[in-house]
Amino acid sequence: MTETITMWRPVGPEELALVQASQMRRWPPRLEWQPIFYPVTNEQYATEITRMWNVPECGVGYVTKFEVKADFAARYEVHCVGAPHATEWWIPAEELDALNDAIVGEIEVVAEYR
């Protein structure tokens, strides 16, 4: 059995629609002004981002969770960006296909906020 790490990601409706178009298996390419993909390490931080950013900007936000092969995740340092629970991986946009290939199972929506 493959060892995995759980990653979380707050998303708005547009990004979720792109994930759904991939059958919940892949993250969409980053936009030109998005050089890094930022999955976070815990549900609490993902929820905070969703409620503080996605809901005010889009009227709705979603917390997603997905499993990634542990050996892939180990290539990236976890960064603390504020409070002790505000931790995330910084994955360069050009490595997003490799991340997508390392996803085990489907990307799940675990919460919706309006």
N, C-alpha and C. Protein backbone atom coordinates (compact mmCIF):
# COMPACT_ATOMS: atom_id res chain seq x y z
N MET A 1 0.83 -1.19 0.00
CA MET A 1 0.00 0.00 0.00
C MET A 1 0.88 1.25 0.00
N THR A 2 0.48 2.23 -0.77
CA THR A 2 1.23 3.47 -0.89
C THR A 2 0.99 4.36 0.32
N GLU A 3 2.07 4.84 0.92
CA GLU A 3 1.95 5.78 2.03
C GLU A 3 1.61 7.15 1.46
N THR A 4 0.63 7.83 2.09
CA THR A 4 0.19 9.12 1.59
C THR A 4 0.21 10.18 2.68
N ILE A 5 0.15 11.42 2.24
CA ILE A 5 0.03 12.60 3.09
C ILE A 5 -1.27 13.30 2.67
N THR A 6 -2.03 13.77 3.64
CA THR A 6 -3.24 14.51 3.33
C THR A 6 -2.90 15.98 3.12
N MET A 7 -3.38 16.52 2.00
CA MET A 7 -3.26 17.94 1.72
C MET A 7 -4.66 18.51 1.64
N TRP A 8 -4.78 19.78 1.96
CA TRP A 8 -6.05 20.50 1.96
C TRP A 8 -5.91 21.70 1.05
N ARG A 9 -7.03 22.12 0.45
CA ARG A 9 -6.97 23.32 -0.39
C ARG A 9 -8.31 24.04 -0.37
N PRO A 10 -8.29 25.33 -0.02
CA PRO A 10 -9.49 26.14 -0.14
C PRO A 10 -9.67 26.57 -1.60
N VAL A 11 -10.90 26.49 -2.11
CA VAL A 11 -11.15 26.86 -3.51
C VAL A 11 -12.45 27.62 -3.62
N GLY A 12 -12.53 28.40 -4.68
CA GLY A 12 -13.77 29.07 -5.05
C GLY A 12 -14.49 28.24 -6.11
N PRO A 13 -15.64 28.70 -6.56
CA PRO A 13 -16.44 27.93 -7.50
C PRO A 13 -15.77 27.70 -8.86
N GLU A 14 -14.99 28.65 -9.35
CA GLU A 14 -14.35 28.48 -10.66
C GLU A 14 -13.29 27.37 -10.62
N GLU A 15 -12.45 27.40 -9.59
CA GLU A 15 -11.43 26.36 -9.49
C GLU A 15 -12.08 24.99 -9.25
N LEU A 16 -13.13 24.96 -8.42
CA LEU A 16 -13.82 23.69 -8.19
C LEU A 16 -14.41 23.14 -9.48
N ALA A 17 -14.96 24.00 -10.32
CA ALA A 17 -15.52 23.53 -11.60
C ALA A 17 -14.44 22.89 -12.47
N LEU A 18 -13.24 23.45 -12.45
CA LEU A 18 -12.14 22.87 -13.23
C LEU A 18 -11.70 21.52 -12.65
N VAL A 19 -11.70 21.41 -11.33
CA VAL A 19 -11.36 20.13 -10.69
C VAL A 19 -12.44 19.10 -11.04
N GLN A 20 -13.70 19.51 -10.99
CA GLN A 20 -14.80 18.59 -11.33
C GLN A 20 -14.68 18.13 -12.79
N ALA A 21 -14.24 19.01 -13.68
CA ALA A 21 -14.07 18.63 -15.09
C ALA A 21 -13.00 17.56 -15.26
N SER A 22 -12.10 17.44 -14.29
CA SER A 22 -11.06 16.40 -14.34
C SER A 22 -11.51 15.13 -13.62
N GLN A 23 -12.80 15.03 -13.34
CA GLN A 23 -13.33 13.89 -12.58
C GLN A 23 -12.75 13.85 -11.17
N MET A 24 -12.46 15.02 -10.61
CA MET A 24 -11.93 15.17 -9.24
C MET A 24 -10.56 14.51 -9.08
N ARG A 25 -9.76 14.55 -10.14
CA ARG A 25 -8.45 13.89 -10.11
C ARG A 25 -7.26 14.82 -10.25
N ARG A 26 -7.48 16.07 -10.75
CA ARG A 26 -6.34 16.93 -11.06
C ARG A 26 -6.65 18.39 -10.73
N TRP A 27 -5.60 19.10 -10.36
CA TRP A 27 -5.71 20.54 -10.17
C TRP A 27 -5.43 21.22 -11.49
N PRO A 28 -6.13 22.32 -11.79
CA PRO A 28 -5.91 23.01 -13.07
C PRO A 28 -4.58 23.76 -13.08
N PRO A 29 -4.06 24.02 -14.27
CA PRO A 29 -2.82 24.79 -14.37
C PRO A 29 -2.97 26.14 -13.68
N ARG A 30 -1.87 26.63 -13.15
CA ARG A 30 -1.85 27.94 -12.53
C ARG A 30 -1.97 29.01 -13.61
N LEU A 31 -2.49 30.17 -13.23
CA LEU A 31 -2.54 31.31 -14.12
C LEU A 31 -1.16 31.96 -14.15
N GLU A 32 -0.92 32.82 -15.13
CA GLU A 32 0.40 33.45 -15.28
C GLU A 32 0.89 34.10 -13.99
N TRP A 33 0.00 34.72 -13.26
CA TRP A 33 0.37 35.45 -12.05
C TRP A 33 0.39 34.56 -10.81
N GLN A 34 0.26 33.24 -10.99
CA GLN A 34 0.27 32.28 -9.88
C GLN A 34 1.47 31.34 -10.03
N PRO A 35 2.64 31.74 -9.57
CA PRO A 35 3.83 30.92 -9.77
C PRO A 35 3.92 29.70 -8.85
N ILE A 36 3.07 29.67 -7.82
CA ILE A 36 3.16 28.59 -6.84
C ILE A 36 1.76 28.06 -6.54
N PHE A 37 1.67 26.75 -6.34
CA PHE A 37 0.44 26.09 -5.89
C PHE A 37 0.60 25.87 -4.39
N TYR A 38 -0.39 26.29 -3.61
CA TYR A 38 -0.27 26.28 -2.15
C TYR A 38 -1.29 25.34 -1.49
N PRO A 39 -1.07 24.05 -1.45
CA PRO A 39 -1.94 23.24 -0.60
C PRO A 39 -1.53 23.47 0.86
N VAL A 40 -2.49 23.35 1.76
CA VAL A 40 -2.19 23.58 3.18
C VAL A 40 -2.20 22.25 3.93
N THR A 41 -1.68 22.29 5.16
CA THR A 41 -1.44 21.05 5.90
C THR A 41 -2.58 20.62 6.80
N ASN A 42 -3.61 21.46 6.95
CA ASN A 42 -4.67 21.09 7.90
C ASN A 42 -6.00 21.74 7.53
N GLU A 43 -7.06 21.11 7.99
CA GLU A 43 -8.42 21.57 7.68
C GLU A 43 -8.72 22.92 8.32
N GLN A 44 -8.23 23.17 9.51
CA GLN A 44 -8.50 24.44 10.19
C GLN A 44 -8.03 25.62 9.35
N TYR A 45 -6.80 25.54 8.85
CA TYR A 45 -6.25 26.64 8.05
C TYR A 45 -7.00 26.76 6.72
N ALA A 46 -7.32 25.64 6.09
CA ALA A 46 -8.08 25.68 4.84
C ALA A 46 -9.44 26.33 5.05
N THR A 47 -10.08 26.02 6.16
CA THR A 47 -11.38 26.61 6.47
C THR A 47 -11.26 28.12 6.67
N GLU A 48 -10.24 28.55 7.41
CA GLU A 48 -10.04 29.98 7.62
C GLU A 48 -9.85 30.72 6.31
N ILE A 49 -9.03 30.18 5.43
CA ILE A 49 -8.80 30.84 4.13
C ILE A 49 -10.10 30.89 3.34
N THR A 50 -10.84 29.78 3.32
CA THR A 50 -12.09 29.74 2.58
C THR A 50 -13.05 30.82 3.07
N ARG A 51 -13.19 30.92 4.37
CA ARG A 51 -14.15 31.88 4.95
C ARG A 51 -13.68 33.33 4.81
N MET A 52 -12.36 33.55 4.89
CA MET A 52 -11.83 34.92 4.82
C MET A 52 -11.68 35.43 3.38
N TRP A 53 -11.42 34.52 2.43
CA TRP A 53 -11.11 34.96 1.07
C TRP A 53 -12.16 34.51 0.05
N ASN A 54 -12.42 33.22 -0.04
CA ASN A 54 -13.31 32.73 -1.09
C ASN A 54 -14.75 33.22 -0.91
N VAL A 55 -15.28 33.16 0.31
CA VAL A 55 -16.67 33.56 0.52
C VAL A 55 -16.88 35.05 0.22
N PRO A 56 -16.07 35.96 0.77
CA PRO A 56 -16.27 37.37 0.43
C PRO A 56 -16.09 37.67 -1.07
N GLU A 57 -15.13 36.97 -1.69
CA GLU A 57 -14.84 37.25 -3.10
C GLU A 57 -15.86 36.62 -4.05
N CYS A 58 -16.33 35.40 -3.74
CA CYS A 58 -17.16 34.63 -4.67
C CYS A 58 -18.56 34.32 -4.14
N GLY A 59 -18.80 34.60 -2.88
CA GLY A 59 -20.09 34.26 -2.29
C GLY A 59 -20.17 32.83 -1.77
N VAL A 60 -19.21 32.01 -2.16
CA VAL A 60 -19.15 30.62 -1.73
C VAL A 60 -17.69 30.16 -1.78
N GLY A 61 -17.35 29.26 -0.88
CA GLY A 61 -16.01 28.69 -0.88
C GLY A 61 -16.08 27.25 -0.40
N TYR A 62 -15.11 26.48 -0.81
CA TYR A 62 -15.09 25.05 -0.52
C TYR A 62 -13.75 24.67 0.08
N VAL A 63 -13.79 23.73 1.00
CA VAL A 63 -12.57 23.13 1.54
C VAL A 63 -12.45 21.77 0.88
N THR A 64 -11.30 21.53 0.26
CA THR A 64 -11.05 20.24 -0.38
C THR A 64 -9.92 19.53 0.34
N LYS A 65 -9.89 18.23 0.14
CA LYS A 65 -8.83 17.40 0.74
C LYS A 65 -8.44 16.35 -0.29
N PHE A 66 -7.16 16.00 -0.29
CA PHE A 66 -6.68 14.98 -1.22
C PHE A 66 -5.43 14.33 -0.66
N GLU A 67 -5.21 13.11 -1.09
CA GLU A 67 -4.05 12.33 -0.65
C GLU A 67 -2.97 12.37 -1.73
N VAL A 68 -1.74 12.56 -1.29
CA VAL A 68 -0.59 12.61 -2.20
C VAL A 68 0.44 11.61 -1.72
N LYS A 69 1.10 10.95 -2.65
CA LYS A 69 2.15 10.00 -2.27
C LYS A 69 3.15 10.71 -1.36
N ALA A 70 3.45 10.07 -0.23
CA ALA A 70 4.32 10.67 0.78
C ALA A 70 5.71 10.98 0.24
N ASP A 71 6.24 10.13 -0.62
CA ASP A 71 7.58 10.39 -1.15
C ASP A 71 7.60 11.63 -2.03
N PHE A 72 6.49 11.92 -2.71
CA PHE A 72 6.41 13.16 -3.50
C PHE A 72 6.35 14.36 -2.56
N ALA A 73 5.46 14.31 -1.57
CA ALA A 73 5.28 15.43 -0.65
C ALA A 73 6.58 15.75 0.10
N ALA A 74 7.38 14.73 0.38
CA ALA A 74 8.62 14.92 1.13
C ALA A 74 9.63 15.81 0.39
N ARG A 75 9.43 16.00 -0.89
CA ARG A 75 10.34 16.86 -1.68
C ARG A 75 10.17 18.33 -1.34
N TYR A 76 9.08 18.68 -0.65
CA TYR A 76 8.74 20.08 -0.42
C TYR A 76 8.72 20.40 1.07
N GLU A 77 9.32 21.51 1.40
CA GLU A 77 9.34 21.97 2.78
C GLU A 77 7.98 22.56 3.15
N VAL A 78 7.56 22.37 4.38
CA VAL A 78 6.35 22.99 4.89
C VAL A 78 6.74 24.36 5.44
N HIS A 79 5.98 25.39 5.05
CA HIS A 79 6.25 26.76 5.47
C HIS A 79 5.17 27.24 6.42
N CYS A 80 5.57 27.86 7.52
CA CYS A 80 4.63 28.48 8.45
C CYS A 80 4.48 29.94 8.01
N VAL A 81 3.23 30.36 7.78
CA VAL A 81 3.00 31.69 7.22
C VAL A 81 2.18 32.58 8.17
N GLY A 82 2.28 32.32 9.45
CA GLY A 82 1.56 33.12 10.43
C GLY A 82 1.40 32.34 11.72
N ALA A 83 0.15 32.10 12.08
CA ALA A 83 -0.14 31.32 13.29
C ALA A 83 0.48 29.93 13.17
N PRO A 84 0.71 29.25 14.29
CA PRO A 84 1.34 27.92 14.23
C PRO A 84 0.63 26.92 13.31
N HIS A 85 -0.68 27.03 13.15
CA HIS A 85 -1.42 26.10 12.28
C HIS A 85 -1.46 26.57 10.83
N ALA A 86 -0.97 27.77 10.54
CA ALA A 86 -1.00 28.31 9.18
C ALA A 86 0.23 27.82 8.41
N THR A 87 0.14 26.57 7.99
CA THR A 87 1.27 25.93 7.32
C THR A 87 0.85 25.40 5.96
N GLU A 88 1.80 25.47 5.03
CA GLU A 88 1.48 25.09 3.65
C GLU A 88 2.74 24.65 2.92
N TRP A 89 2.51 23.91 1.85
CA TRP A 89 3.58 23.55 0.94
C TRP A 89 3.61 24.58 -0.17
N TRP A 90 4.79 24.86 -0.70
CA TRP A 90 4.93 25.76 -1.84
C TRP A 90 5.43 24.92 -3.01
N ILE A 91 4.53 24.60 -3.91
CA ILE A 91 4.87 23.75 -5.05
C ILE A 91 4.91 24.62 -6.30
N PRO A 92 6.06 24.73 -6.96
CA PRO A 92 6.17 25.57 -8.15
C PRO A 92 5.14 25.15 -9.21
N ALA A 93 4.59 26.14 -9.88
CA ALA A 93 3.55 25.88 -10.89
C ALA A 93 4.01 24.88 -11.93
N GLU A 94 5.28 24.92 -12.28
CA GLU A 94 5.77 24.00 -13.32
C GLU A 94 5.84 22.56 -12.83
N GLU A 95 5.65 22.33 -11.53
CA GLU A 95 5.66 20.98 -10.98
C GLU A 95 4.25 20.48 -10.63
N LEU A 96 3.23 21.23 -11.05
CA LEU A 96 1.86 20.86 -10.74
C LEU A 96 1.45 19.55 -11.40
N ASP A 97 1.90 19.29 -12.63
CA ASP A 97 1.57 18.00 -13.27
C ASP A 97 2.12 16.84 -12.45
N ALA A 98 3.32 17.00 -11.91
CA ALA A 98 3.90 15.93 -11.09
C ALA A 98 3.08 15.74 -9.82
N LEU A 99 2.62 16.84 -9.22
CA LEU A 99 1.74 16.72 -8.06
C LEU A 99 0.47 15.97 -8.44
N ASN A 100 -0.14 16.37 -9.55
CA ASN A 100 -1.37 15.71 -9.99
C ASN A 100 -1.14 14.21 -10.20
N ASP A 101 0.00 13.85 -10.74
CA ASP A 101 0.32 12.44 -10.96
C ASP A 101 0.52 11.69 -9.65
N ALA A 102 0.84 12.42 -8.58
CA ALA A 102 1.08 11.81 -7.27
C ALA A 102 -0.17 11.73 -6.41
N ILE A 103 -1.29 12.27 -6.89
CA ILE A 103 -2.54 12.19 -6.13
C ILE A 103 -3.03 10.75 -6.14
N VAL A 104 -3.41 10.28 -4.97
CA VAL A 104 -3.95 8.93 -4.80
C VAL A 104 -5.45 9.08 -4.53
N GLY A 105 -6.27 8.54 -5.41
CA GLY A 105 -7.71 8.68 -5.24
C GLY A 105 -8.21 9.99 -5.81
N GLU A 106 -9.33 10.45 -5.26
CA GLU A 106 -9.97 11.66 -5.76
C GLU A 106 -9.79 12.83 -4.81
N ILE A 107 -9.92 14.02 -5.36
CA ILE A 107 -9.98 15.24 -4.58
C ILE A 107 -11.40 15.32 -4.03
N GLU A 108 -11.54 15.51 -2.73
CA GLU A 108 -12.85 15.51 -2.09
C GLU A 108 -13.23 16.91 -1.61
N VAL A 109 -14.48 17.28 -1.75
CA VAL A 109 -15.00 18.49 -1.13
C VAL A 109 -15.50 18.07 0.25
N VAL A 110 -14.95 18.65 1.30
CA VAL A 110 -15.32 18.26 2.66
C VAL A 110 -16.18 19.31 3.37
N ALA A 111 -16.22 20.54 2.82
CA ALA A 111 -17.05 21.58 3.44
C ALA A 111 -17.36 22.66 2.40
N GLU A 112 -18.50 23.31 2.60
CA GLU A 112 -18.93 24.44 1.77
C GLU A 112 -19.36 25.55 2.70
N TYR A 113 -18.93 26.78 2.37
CA TYR A 113 -19.29 27.95 3.18
C TYR A 113 -19.85 29.01 2.26
N ARG A 114 -20.88 29.71 2.76
CA ARG A 114 -21.52 30.79 2.01
C ARG A 114 -21.57 32.04 2.86
